[in-house]
Every structure is written in C-alpha cells, then in structure tokens.
C-alpha cells in the first residue's frame, strides 16, 4: 500500500509543480531526435510492462514463491509489480512536462489507470496467496 500511495503522491506532486509552474521544467521544442527516440522507447516500455505486470502472479516461479514464502514473496513481487507500472508512469509524466508532447501524457494516463487493476487491497492480497492453479 505504501508503494502504491507514494508513487501516486510523487506523480501528483510532479503534476502540481508542472501545472502551477512552481518548478519551471525546461521545455524543448519538438524538432529533436531525442524526443522521438524517448517517445518510441516509452511506448514500447509501456506496451511491455502493462501485460507483464498484470500477469506477473501467473508465472510459475512467482506462484511457487507465493506458495512457499507467502507474505514475504507477496511483498517482494507486489512491490516489483507496482514498480513495473509506477516507474514508467513517473518517467512519462516528467517527459510530458519537459517536451510538452501529448503522447507522454496519454501513456501516463494509461499506466495510471492500470494501477487500479493491481491495487493492493487486503482481499486481493489474500486471494493471491490462496490461489493454487
């Protein structure tokens, strides 16, 4: 839960700082090749991380650790899964304010919405520990 809310808080802080111009992000114009490469990389990273994070607990290795170590494995893999979505989310938000390119914002919104599919509620954690398939 702490990882979930800290990540959302950090992203919200960057959004507030960027929208209110409290921290003036250096804005680059769109004629840079770096922007294209970063955008392509972030699109591929986002496309790869979403299904991987959503299906992470279905992999044999993760299931085996959940069965053996229970709470420790759940904490470890839960944080990994959350970070698989939160780190690209944070990077996309920062890149949105640096380049002012809407695609970074759209990628961030998609990742933000995916966070609610892995929300670490007590019932979900219990269900993931009890799964035997």
N, C-alpha and C. Protein backbone atom coordinates (compact mmCIF):
# COMPACT_ATOMS: atom_id res chain seq x y z
N UNK A 1 0.82 -1.19 0.00
CA UNK A 1 0.00 0.00 0.00
C UNK A 1 0.87 1.26 0.00
N UNK A 2 1.95 1.20 0.77
CA UNK A 2 2.82 2.37 0.86
C UNK A 2 3.42 2.68 -0.50
N UNK A 3 3.87 1.66 -1.21
CA UNK A 3 4.44 1.85 -2.54
C UNK A 3 3.41 2.44 -3.49
N UNK A 4 2.18 1.94 -3.41
CA UNK A 4 1.11 2.43 -4.28
C UNK A 4 0.84 3.91 -4.04
N UNK A 5 0.62 4.29 -2.79
CA UNK A 5 0.27 5.68 -2.49
C UNK A 5 1.45 6.63 -2.63
N UNK A 6 2.67 6.18 -2.34
CA UNK A 6 3.86 7.03 -2.54
C UNK A 6 4.06 7.33 -4.03
N UNK A 7 3.87 6.32 -4.86
CA UNK A 7 4.03 6.53 -6.30
C UNK A 7 2.99 7.51 -6.82
N UNK A 8 1.74 7.34 -6.41
CA UNK A 8 0.70 8.27 -6.85
C UNK A 8 0.98 9.67 -6.30
N UNK A 9 1.46 9.75 -5.07
CA UNK A 9 1.80 11.05 -4.49
C UNK A 9 2.93 11.75 -5.22
N UNK A 10 3.96 10.99 -5.60
CA UNK A 10 5.08 11.60 -6.34
C UNK A 10 4.63 12.09 -7.70
N UNK A 11 3.81 11.30 -8.38
CA UNK A 11 3.30 11.72 -9.69
C UNK A 11 2.41 12.95 -9.54
N UNK A 12 1.56 12.96 -8.52
CA UNK A 12 0.69 14.11 -8.28
C UNK A 12 1.52 15.35 -7.96
N UNK A 13 2.60 15.19 -7.22
CA UNK A 13 3.48 16.32 -6.91
C UNK A 13 4.11 16.88 -8.18
N UNK A 14 4.58 16.02 -9.06
CA UNK A 14 5.16 16.49 -10.32
C UNK A 14 4.11 17.22 -11.16
N UNK A 15 2.89 16.69 -11.19
CA UNK A 15 1.82 17.33 -11.95
C UNK A 15 1.51 18.71 -11.37
N UNK A 16 1.40 18.80 -10.05
CA UNK A 16 1.12 20.09 -9.42
C UNK A 16 2.25 21.08 -9.67
N UNK A 17 3.48 20.63 -9.52
CA UNK A 17 4.63 21.51 -9.75
C UNK A 17 4.70 21.96 -11.20
N UNK A 18 4.35 21.06 -12.12
CA UNK A 18 4.40 21.41 -13.54
C UNK A 18 3.26 22.31 -13.97
N UNK A 19 2.06 22.03 -13.48
CA UNK A 19 0.89 22.82 -13.89
C UNK A 19 0.89 24.22 -13.28
N UNK A 20 1.41 24.34 -12.09
CA UNK A 20 1.43 25.66 -11.43
C UNK A 20 2.71 26.44 -11.71
N UNK A 21 3.59 25.87 -12.52
CA UNK A 21 4.88 26.47 -12.87
C UNK A 21 5.71 26.81 -11.63
N UNK A 22 5.58 26.01 -10.59
CA UNK A 22 6.40 26.19 -9.40
C UNK A 22 7.83 25.79 -9.72
N UNK A 23 7.97 24.69 -10.42
CA UNK A 23 9.27 24.26 -10.92
C UNK A 23 9.20 24.38 -12.43
N UNK A 24 9.89 25.36 -12.99
CA UNK A 24 9.82 25.51 -14.44
C UNK A 24 10.65 24.43 -15.13
N UNK A 25 9.96 23.43 -15.67
CA UNK A 25 10.64 22.40 -16.43
C UNK A 25 11.17 23.05 -17.70
N UNK A 26 12.40 22.71 -18.06
CA UNK A 26 12.95 23.26 -19.29
C UNK A 26 12.25 22.59 -20.45
N UNK A 27 11.58 23.39 -21.24
CA UNK A 27 10.80 22.85 -22.35
C UNK A 27 11.63 22.84 -23.63
N UNK A 28 11.60 21.70 -24.27
CA UNK A 28 12.33 21.54 -25.52
C UNK A 28 11.33 21.61 -26.67
N UNK A 29 11.78 22.13 -27.79
CA UNK A 29 10.89 22.14 -28.95
C UNK A 29 10.83 20.74 -29.56
N UNK A 30 9.88 20.53 -30.42
CA UNK A 30 9.64 19.20 -30.95
C UNK A 30 10.57 18.75 -32.05
N UNK A 31 11.55 19.55 -32.45
CA UNK A 31 12.41 19.19 -33.57
C UNK A 31 13.58 18.32 -33.21
N UNK A 32 13.59 17.74 -32.05
CA UNK A 32 14.73 16.99 -31.58
C UNK A 32 14.55 15.50 -31.83
N UNK A 33 15.60 14.83 -32.29
CA UNK A 33 15.55 13.38 -32.48
C UNK A 33 15.42 12.65 -31.15
N UNK A 34 15.97 13.26 -30.11
CA UNK A 34 15.91 12.64 -28.79
C UNK A 34 14.47 12.42 -28.35
N UNK A 35 13.61 13.39 -28.64
CA UNK A 35 12.20 13.26 -28.28
C UNK A 35 11.58 12.05 -28.97
N UNK A 36 11.88 11.87 -30.24
CA UNK A 36 11.34 10.72 -30.98
C UNK A 36 11.82 9.41 -30.38
N UNK A 37 13.12 9.33 -30.08
CA UNK A 37 13.67 8.10 -29.51
C UNK A 37 13.09 7.82 -28.12
N UNK A 38 12.96 8.86 -27.30
CA UNK A 38 12.39 8.69 -25.98
C UNK A 38 10.92 8.26 -26.06
N UNK A 39 10.18 8.88 -26.96
CA UNK A 39 8.78 8.54 -27.12
C UNK A 39 8.62 7.09 -27.59
N UNK A 40 9.41 6.69 -28.55
CA UNK A 40 9.35 5.31 -29.04
C UNK A 40 9.71 4.32 -27.93
N UNK A 41 10.77 4.64 -27.19
CA UNK A 41 11.18 3.76 -26.10
C UNK A 41 10.10 3.67 -25.02
N UNK A 42 9.52 4.80 -24.65
CA UNK A 42 8.49 4.79 -23.61
C UNK A 42 7.22 4.09 -24.08
N UNK A 43 6.88 4.22 -25.35
CA UNK A 43 5.73 3.49 -25.88
C UNK A 43 5.96 1.98 -25.79
N UNK A 44 7.14 1.54 -26.21
CA UNK A 44 7.47 0.11 -26.16
C UNK A 44 7.53 -0.39 -24.72
N UNK A 45 8.12 0.42 -23.84
CA UNK A 45 8.22 0.04 -22.45
C UNK A 45 6.83 -0.08 -21.81
N UNK A 46 5.96 0.88 -22.12
CA UNK A 46 4.60 0.85 -21.58
C UNK A 46 3.84 -0.35 -22.11
N UNK A 47 3.95 -0.60 -23.40
CA UNK A 47 3.26 -1.74 -24.01
C UNK A 47 3.76 -3.06 -23.42
N UNK A 48 5.03 -3.13 -23.07
CA UNK A 48 5.58 -4.36 -22.50
C UNK A 48 5.24 -4.51 -21.01
N UNK A 49 5.29 -3.42 -20.27
CA UNK A 49 5.12 -3.51 -18.82
C UNK A 49 3.68 -3.78 -18.39
N UNK A 50 2.70 -3.27 -19.11
CA UNK A 50 1.31 -3.44 -18.67
C UNK A 50 0.91 -4.92 -18.63
N UNK A 51 1.01 -5.67 -19.72
CA UNK A 51 0.60 -7.07 -19.62
C UNK A 51 1.51 -7.89 -18.69
N UNK A 52 2.79 -7.54 -18.66
CA UNK A 52 3.71 -8.26 -17.79
C UNK A 52 3.34 -8.05 -16.32
N UNK A 53 3.03 -6.83 -15.95
CA UNK A 53 2.65 -6.54 -14.56
C UNK A 53 1.31 -7.16 -14.20
N UNK A 54 0.37 -7.13 -15.14
CA UNK A 54 -0.95 -7.68 -14.84
C UNK A 54 -0.93 -9.20 -14.73
N UNK A 55 -0.03 -9.86 -15.43
CA UNK A 55 0.04 -11.33 -15.42
C UNK A 55 1.18 -11.87 -14.57
N UNK A 56 1.87 -11.03 -13.84
CA UNK A 56 3.08 -11.44 -13.12
C UNK A 56 2.83 -12.59 -12.16
N UNK A 57 1.71 -12.56 -11.45
CA UNK A 57 1.47 -13.60 -10.45
C UNK A 57 1.01 -14.91 -11.07
N UNK A 58 0.91 -15.00 -12.37
CA UNK A 58 0.54 -16.25 -13.05
C UNK A 58 1.77 -17.05 -13.47
N UNK A 59 2.96 -16.47 -13.39
CA UNK A 59 4.18 -17.18 -13.78
C UNK A 59 4.52 -18.25 -12.74
N UNK A 60 5.09 -19.37 -13.21
CA UNK A 60 5.37 -20.50 -12.33
C UNK A 60 6.30 -20.13 -11.17
N UNK A 61 7.36 -19.40 -11.47
CA UNK A 61 8.33 -19.05 -10.44
C UNK A 61 7.68 -18.21 -9.34
N UNK A 62 6.87 -17.27 -9.74
CA UNK A 62 6.20 -16.40 -8.77
C UNK A 62 5.19 -17.19 -7.97
N UNK A 63 4.42 -18.05 -8.63
CA UNK A 63 3.44 -18.90 -7.94
C UNK A 63 4.12 -19.80 -6.91
N UNK A 64 5.27 -20.36 -7.30
CA UNK A 64 5.99 -21.24 -6.39
C UNK A 64 6.48 -20.48 -5.16
N UNK A 65 6.99 -19.29 -5.37
CA UNK A 65 7.45 -18.50 -4.23
C UNK A 65 6.28 -18.06 -3.35
N UNK A 66 5.15 -17.75 -3.97
CA UNK A 66 3.97 -17.38 -3.18
C UNK A 66 3.50 -18.55 -2.33
N UNK A 67 3.62 -19.76 -2.86
CA UNK A 67 3.19 -20.94 -2.10
C UNK A 67 4.16 -21.26 -0.96
N UNK A 68 5.46 -21.03 -1.19
CA UNK A 68 6.47 -21.38 -0.19
C UNK A 68 6.64 -20.30 0.87
N UNK A 69 6.85 -19.06 0.43
CA UNK A 69 7.23 -17.99 1.35
C UNK A 69 6.08 -17.08 1.73
N UNK A 70 4.95 -17.20 1.10
CA UNK A 70 3.71 -16.49 1.36
C UNK A 70 3.89 -14.97 1.48
N UNK A 71 3.86 -14.42 2.69
CA UNK A 71 3.83 -12.96 2.86
C UNK A 71 5.09 -12.29 2.34
N UNK A 72 6.25 -12.89 2.56
CA UNK A 72 7.50 -12.29 2.07
C UNK A 72 7.51 -12.23 0.55
N UNK A 73 7.09 -13.31 -0.09
CA UNK A 73 7.05 -13.34 -1.55
C UNK A 73 5.99 -12.38 -2.07
N UNK A 74 4.86 -12.30 -1.38
CA UNK A 74 3.81 -11.37 -1.80
C UNK A 74 4.29 -9.93 -1.73
N UNK A 75 4.99 -9.59 -0.68
CA UNK A 75 5.54 -8.24 -0.55
C UNK A 75 6.56 -7.97 -1.66
N UNK A 76 7.46 -8.90 -1.86
CA UNK A 76 8.50 -8.73 -2.88
C UNK A 76 7.91 -8.57 -4.27
N UNK A 77 7.07 -9.52 -4.67
CA UNK A 77 6.51 -9.49 -6.02
C UNK A 77 5.46 -8.40 -6.18
N UNK A 78 4.78 -8.06 -5.11
CA UNK A 78 3.83 -6.95 -5.18
C UNK A 78 4.52 -5.62 -5.44
N UNK A 79 5.65 -5.41 -4.77
CA UNK A 79 6.42 -4.18 -4.99
C UNK A 79 7.00 -4.17 -6.40
N UNK A 80 7.49 -5.31 -6.86
CA UNK A 80 8.03 -5.37 -8.22
C UNK A 80 6.93 -5.05 -9.23
N UNK A 81 5.76 -5.65 -9.04
CA UNK A 81 4.65 -5.40 -9.97
C UNK A 81 4.23 -3.93 -9.95
N UNK A 82 4.16 -3.35 -8.77
CA UNK A 82 3.77 -1.95 -8.66
C UNK A 82 4.81 -1.05 -9.34
N UNK A 83 6.08 -1.36 -9.13
CA UNK A 83 7.14 -0.54 -9.72
C UNK A 83 7.21 -0.70 -11.24
N UNK A 84 6.79 -1.85 -11.75
CA UNK A 84 6.76 -2.04 -13.20
C UNK A 84 5.79 -1.06 -13.86
N UNK A 85 4.80 -0.61 -13.12
CA UNK A 85 3.86 0.38 -13.64
C UNK A 85 4.21 1.80 -13.20
N UNK A 86 4.69 1.94 -11.97
CA UNK A 86 4.90 3.28 -11.41
C UNK A 86 6.14 3.99 -11.96
N UNK A 87 7.20 3.26 -12.21
CA UNK A 87 8.40 3.90 -12.73
C UNK A 87 8.18 4.46 -14.13
N UNK A 88 7.62 3.68 -15.07
CA UNK A 88 7.32 4.29 -16.38
C UNK A 88 6.28 5.42 -16.27
N UNK A 89 5.35 5.30 -15.34
CA UNK A 89 4.36 6.37 -15.13
C UNK A 89 5.06 7.66 -14.75
N UNK A 90 5.95 7.60 -13.78
CA UNK A 90 6.68 8.79 -13.34
C UNK A 90 7.53 9.37 -14.46
N UNK A 91 8.22 8.52 -15.19
CA UNK A 91 9.07 8.99 -16.30
C UNK A 91 8.22 9.66 -17.37
N UNK A 92 7.07 9.06 -17.70
CA UNK A 92 6.19 9.66 -18.71
C UNK A 92 5.67 11.02 -18.28
N UNK A 93 5.34 11.17 -17.00
CA UNK A 93 4.85 12.47 -16.51
C UNK A 93 5.94 13.52 -16.62
N UNK A 94 7.14 13.17 -16.21
CA UNK A 94 8.26 14.13 -16.30
C UNK A 94 8.54 14.48 -17.76
N UNK A 95 8.56 13.47 -18.63
CA UNK A 95 8.82 13.75 -20.05
C UNK A 95 7.70 14.57 -20.68
N UNK A 96 6.48 14.39 -20.19
CA UNK A 96 5.38 15.23 -20.69
C UNK A 96 5.66 16.70 -20.42
N UNK A 97 6.11 17.02 -19.23
CA UNK A 97 6.37 18.42 -18.90
C UNK A 97 7.65 18.94 -19.55
N UNK A 98 8.59 18.06 -19.82
CA UNK A 98 9.83 18.50 -20.48
C UNK A 98 9.58 18.79 -21.95
N UNK A 99 8.86 17.89 -22.63
CA UNK A 99 8.67 18.02 -24.08
C UNK A 99 7.31 18.59 -24.47
N UNK A 100 6.37 18.64 -23.55
CA UNK A 100 5.02 19.11 -23.85
C UNK A 100 4.42 18.34 -25.03
N UNK A 101 4.64 17.05 -25.04
CA UNK A 101 4.12 16.18 -26.08
C UNK A 101 3.00 15.34 -25.47
N UNK A 102 1.82 15.40 -26.07
CA UNK A 102 0.64 14.76 -25.50
C UNK A 102 0.78 13.25 -25.39
N UNK A 103 1.57 12.62 -26.23
CA UNK A 103 1.71 11.16 -26.19
C UNK A 103 2.27 10.70 -24.84
N UNK A 104 3.21 11.45 -24.28
CA UNK A 104 3.72 11.08 -22.95
C UNK A 104 2.60 11.16 -21.91
N UNK A 105 1.77 12.16 -22.03
CA UNK A 105 0.63 12.29 -21.12
C UNK A 105 -0.35 11.14 -21.27
N UNK A 106 -0.62 10.73 -22.50
CA UNK A 106 -1.54 9.61 -22.73
C UNK A 106 -0.98 8.31 -22.16
N UNK A 107 0.32 8.10 -22.35
CA UNK A 107 0.95 6.91 -21.79
C UNK A 107 0.86 6.91 -20.27
N UNK A 108 1.06 8.09 -19.67
CA UNK A 108 0.96 8.20 -18.21
C UNK A 108 -0.46 7.91 -17.74
N UNK A 109 -1.45 8.40 -18.46
CA UNK A 109 -2.85 8.15 -18.08
C UNK A 109 -3.17 6.66 -18.17
N UNK A 110 -2.69 6.00 -19.21
CA UNK A 110 -2.93 4.56 -19.37
C UNK A 110 -2.29 3.79 -18.21
N UNK A 111 -1.06 4.15 -17.87
CA UNK A 111 -0.39 3.47 -16.75
C UNK A 111 -1.09 3.75 -15.43
N UNK A 112 -1.55 4.98 -15.24
CA UNK A 112 -2.28 5.33 -14.03
C UNK A 112 -3.55 4.49 -13.89
N UNK A 113 -4.27 4.33 -14.97
CA UNK A 113 -5.49 3.52 -14.92
C UNK A 113 -5.17 2.05 -14.65
N UNK A 114 -4.05 1.57 -15.15
CA UNK A 114 -3.66 0.18 -14.91
C UNK A 114 -3.31 -0.07 -13.44
N UNK A 115 -2.91 0.96 -12.73
CA UNK A 115 -2.58 0.78 -11.32
C UNK A 115 -3.78 0.26 -10.53
N UNK A 116 -4.96 0.63 -10.93
CA UNK A 116 -6.14 0.21 -10.18
C UNK A 116 -6.49 -1.26 -10.42
N UNK A 117 -5.87 -1.88 -11.43
CA UNK A 117 -6.05 -3.31 -11.64
C UNK A 117 -5.12 -4.12 -10.76
N UNK A 118 -4.12 -3.48 -10.17
CA UNK A 118 -3.20 -4.17 -9.26
C UNK A 118 -3.23 -3.53 -7.87
N UNK A 119 -4.30 -2.80 -7.57
CA UNK A 119 -4.44 -2.15 -6.27
C UNK A 119 -4.28 -3.18 -5.16
N UNK A 120 -3.37 -2.96 -4.21
CA UNK A 120 -3.06 -3.99 -3.21
C UNK A 120 -4.02 -3.99 -2.02
N UNK A 121 -5.28 -4.26 -2.26
CA UNK A 121 -6.24 -4.34 -1.17
C UNK A 121 -6.00 -5.63 -0.38
N UNK A 122 -6.53 -5.66 0.82
CA UNK A 122 -6.35 -6.84 1.67
C UNK A 122 -6.99 -8.08 1.03
N UNK A 123 -8.18 -7.88 0.45
CA UNK A 123 -8.87 -9.01 -0.19
C UNK A 123 -8.07 -9.54 -1.38
N UNK A 124 -7.49 -8.66 -2.17
CA UNK A 124 -6.69 -9.10 -3.32
C UNK A 124 -5.44 -9.84 -2.86
N UNK A 125 -4.78 -9.32 -1.85
CA UNK A 125 -3.57 -9.99 -1.34
C UNK A 125 -3.92 -11.37 -0.81
N UNK A 126 -5.02 -11.48 -0.10
CA UNK A 126 -5.46 -12.77 0.42
C UNK A 126 -5.78 -13.73 -0.72
N UNK A 127 -6.45 -13.24 -1.75
CA UNK A 127 -6.80 -14.08 -2.90
C UNK A 127 -5.55 -14.54 -3.64
N UNK A 128 -4.55 -13.69 -3.73
CA UNK A 128 -3.34 -14.08 -4.44
C UNK A 128 -2.52 -15.09 -3.66
N UNK A 129 -2.65 -15.07 -2.34
CA UNK A 129 -1.97 -16.08 -1.54
C UNK A 129 -2.69 -17.42 -1.54
N UNK A 130 -3.98 -17.41 -1.76
CA UNK A 130 -4.79 -18.64 -1.74
C UNK A 130 -4.91 -19.32 -3.08
N UNK A 131 -4.42 -18.71 -4.14
CA UNK A 131 -4.55 -19.28 -5.48
C UNK A 131 -3.65 -20.50 -5.59
N UNK A 132 -4.21 -21.62 -6.06
CA UNK A 132 -3.43 -22.84 -6.19
C UNK A 132 -3.32 -23.31 -7.64
N UNK A 133 -3.92 -22.61 -8.59
CA UNK A 133 -3.88 -23.00 -10.01
C UNK A 133 -2.57 -22.65 -10.62
